[in-house]
Amino acid sequence: MKHIRSAYTLMEILAVIAALVVLMTLATKPMKMLIADIPRANRDFQTWIQTQDMLRQLKNDVEQSTQIKIIDIDPRISSKLLYLQQSEKLVSYSLSDSQVLRQIDTSENSWDLPHVKINWQVWENDNMPYAVEITTWTERIVLNKTRKKFEQSSVYFSKTGSLKP
């Protein structure tokens, strides 16, 4: 007579439970990182889109400007104002903690750019500014390490800016 086995033994069940415990322990940290990284990556991408929007506006303003000037407000915190003189108006850009503010006369626009670092530099020829170089990047501290993402540099030329050979 054949003996048909209809259940698992206690040892087999305990071995499966022990194997599951080991697998769960090994998978916990990567799963936590994955669950945290997806929303963070989404926020970083949304911030990058806002940064691109601000850069498009800045490009338009620089290309219409006749004069460019950067003024250091407080060198201790590397706060700078970018002034763009256009034909009939003055446009200014200022950086503060995670925000870029654009002002024209009485109106203003602002972009909230958390974790975004911006550095601008005026290009000059014979002490005459003709372009602005903008470098932007997203900087986050993840697992006690600073990570840079979306680093880019752009150069925008003013209307009257030209290089003399």
Protein backbone atom coordinates (compact mmCIF):
# COMPACT_ATOMS: atom_id res chain seq x y z
CA MET A 1 0.00 0.00 0.00
CA LYS A 2 1.22 3.42 -0.96
CA HIS A 3 1.49 6.07 1.70
CA ILE A 4 0.22 9.47 0.45
CA ARG A 5 1.65 12.41 2.27
CA SER A 6 -1.05 14.98 3.04
CA ALA A 7 0.83 17.57 5.17
CA TYR A 8 4.20 19.10 5.88
CA THR A 9 6.22 18.14 8.89
CA LEU A 10 6.98 20.56 11.67
CA MET A 11 10.65 20.70 10.64
CA GLU A 12 9.77 21.63 7.06
CA ILE A 13 7.49 24.45 8.21
CA LEU A 14 10.12 25.79 10.62
CA ALA A 15 12.76 25.70 7.85
CA VAL A 16 10.50 27.69 5.50
CA ILE A 17 9.75 30.26 8.24
CA ALA A 18 13.47 30.64 9.02
CA ALA A 19 14.25 31.12 5.33
CA LEU A 20 11.53 33.78 5.03
CA VAL A 21 12.89 35.63 8.07
CA VAL A 22 16.36 35.73 6.52
CA LEU A 23 15.00 36.93 3.16
CA MET A 24 12.87 39.62 4.81
CA THR A 25 15.83 40.84 6.84
CA LEU A 26 17.98 41.09 3.71
CA ALA A 27 15.26 42.85 1.69
CA THR A 28 14.20 45.42 4.32
CA LYS A 29 16.94 48.01 3.77
CA PRO A 30 16.79 48.02 -0.05
CA MET A 31 12.99 48.26 0.09
CA LYS A 32 13.14 51.22 2.49
CA MET A 33 15.65 52.94 0.21
CA LEU A 34 13.51 52.25 -2.85
CA ILE A 35 10.37 53.54 -1.13
CA ALA A 36 12.21 56.74 -0.07
CA ASP A 37 14.00 57.28 -3.41
CA ILE A 38 10.95 57.28 -5.65
CA PRO A 39 9.23 60.31 -4.05
CA ARG A 40 12.59 62.10 -3.68
CA ALA A 41 13.39 61.57 -7.36
CA ASN A 42 9.94 62.87 -8.29
CA ARG A 43 10.47 66.02 -6.18
CA ASP A 44 13.93 66.53 -7.71
CA PHE A 45 12.48 66.23 -11.21
CA GLN A 46 9.71 68.75 -10.43
CA THR A 47 12.33 71.15 -9.06
CA TRP A 48 14.41 70.67 -12.21
CA ILE A 49 11.36 71.58 -14.34
CA GLN A 50 10.86 74.77 -12.29
CA THR A 51 14.56 75.57 -12.68
CA GLN A 52 14.23 75.21 -16.45
CA ASP A 53 11.24 77.56 -16.40
CA MET A 54 13.26 80.17 -14.46
CA LEU A 55 16.21 79.77 -16.85
CA ARG A 56 13.96 80.32 -19.89
CA GLN A 57 12.70 83.57 -18.39
CA LEU A 58 16.23 84.64 -17.46
CA LYS A 59 17.45 83.86 -20.99
CA ASN A 60 14.72 86.06 -22.49
CA ASP A 61 15.57 88.89 -20.09
CA VAL A 62 19.32 88.70 -20.76
CA GLU A 63 18.83 88.61 -24.53
CA GLN A 64 16.69 91.77 -24.34
CA SER A 65 19.06 93.60 -22.01
CA THR A 66 21.45 96.35 -22.99
CA GLN A 67 23.45 96.32 -19.76
CA ILE A 68 24.31 93.60 -17.22
CA LYS A 69 25.52 94.05 -13.66
CA ILE A 70 25.99 91.80 -10.63
CA ILE A 71 26.04 93.34 -7.18
CA ASP A 72 27.18 91.49 -4.04
CA ILE A 73 24.66 92.13 -1.29
CA ASP A 74 26.29 90.12 1.46
CA PRO A 75 29.49 88.23 0.60
CA ARG A 76 29.25 86.17 3.81
CA ILE A 77 26.23 84.33 2.46
CA SER A 78 27.19 84.75 -1.24
CA SER A 79 24.00 86.67 -1.94
CA LYS A 80 24.05 88.46 -5.28
CA LEU A 81 21.69 90.59 -7.32
CA LEU A 82 21.66 90.39 -11.09
CA TYR A 83 20.56 93.63 -12.76
CA LEU A 84 19.53 93.64 -16.41
CA GLN A 85 18.88 97.03 -17.98
CA GLN A 86 16.46 96.70 -20.85
CA SER A 87 15.37 99.44 -23.22
CA GLU A 88 12.61 100.81 -20.98
CA LYS A 89 12.84 98.83 -17.75
CA LEU A 90 15.19 97.40 -15.16
CA VAL A 91 14.90 93.68 -14.37
CA SER A 92 16.52 92.27 -11.25
CA TYR A 93 17.04 88.72 -10.08
CA SER A 94 17.89 87.91 -6.49
CA LEU A 95 18.73 84.65 -4.80
CA SER A 96 17.61 83.73 -1.33
CA ASP A 97 17.26 80.44 0.50
CA SER A 98 15.72 78.13 -2.08
CA GLN A 99 14.02 80.95 -3.97
CA VAL A 100 14.74 83.11 -7.02
CA LEU A 101 12.92 86.43 -7.18
CA ARG A 102 12.49 88.38 -10.43
CA GLN A 103 11.41 92.01 -10.15
CA ILE A 104 10.37 94.49 -12.80
CA ASP A 105 9.24 97.88 -11.54
CA THR A 106 6.32 96.92 -9.27
CA SER A 107 5.68 93.36 -10.43
CA GLU A 108 7.55 90.27 -9.34
CA ASN A 109 7.77 86.54 -10.04
CA SER A 110 9.31 83.96 -7.79
CA TRP A 111 10.39 80.38 -8.18
CA ASP A 112 10.70 78.05 -5.20
CA LEU A 113 13.74 75.91 -5.92
CA PRO A 114 14.53 73.79 -2.87
CA HIS A 115 17.99 72.22 -2.83
CA VAL A 116 18.96 74.11 -6.02
CA LYS A 117 22.27 75.95 -6.08
CA ILE A 118 22.72 78.76 -8.58
CA ASN A 119 25.89 80.57 -9.51
CA TRP A 120 25.96 83.38 -12.04
CA GLN A 121 28.93 85.13 -13.50
CA VAL A 122 29.18 88.02 -15.94
CA TRP A 123 31.41 87.68 -18.98
CA GLU A 124 33.21 90.90 -19.89
CA ASN A 125 35.30 92.19 -22.76
CA ASP A 126 37.23 95.43 -22.10
CA ASN A 127 35.17 95.93 -18.89
CA MET A 128 31.96 95.76 -20.92
CA PRO A 129 29.61 92.94 -19.88
CA TYR A 130 28.21 91.01 -22.81
CA ALA A 131 26.93 87.70 -21.38
CA VAL A 132 25.88 85.87 -18.22
CA GLU A 133 26.99 82.34 -17.39
CA ILE A 134 24.52 80.51 -15.18
CA THR A 135 25.41 77.25 -13.43
CA THR A 136 22.68 75.35 -11.62
CA TRP A 137 22.56 72.03 -9.79
CA THR A 138 20.48 70.20 -7.22
CA GLU A 139 22.31 69.28 -4.04
CA ARG A 140 20.98 66.82 -1.45
CA ILE A 141 22.44 65.00 1.50
CA VAL A 142 21.58 61.31 1.27
CA LEU A 143 23.07 58.81 3.70
CA ASN A 144 25.50 61.47 5.00
CA LYS A 145 26.85 62.14 1.50
CA THR A 146 26.24 65.23 -0.61
CA ARG A 147 24.88 64.29 -4.02
CA LYS A 148 24.79 66.64 -7.00
CA LYS A 149 22.17 66.12 -9.69
CA PHE A 150 21.07 67.94 -12.82
CA GLU A 151 24.23 70.07 -13.02
CA GLN A 152 24.23 72.35 -16.04
CA SER A 153 25.81 75.57 -17.29
CA SER A 154 24.36 77.98 -19.82
CA VAL A 155 25.63 81.21 -21.33
CA TYR A 156 23.14 83.90 -22.35
CA PHE A 157 24.27 86.84 -24.48
CA SER A 158 22.81 90.32 -24.18
CA LYS A 159 21.36 92.25 -27.09
CA THR A 160 24.30 94.63 -27.39
CA GLY A 161 26.91 92.13 -26.24
CA SER A 162 29.46 91.29 -28.86
CA LEU A 163 32.99 90.05 -28.97
CA LYS A 164 35.53 92.18 -30.78
CA PRO A 165 38.17 90.25 -32.71
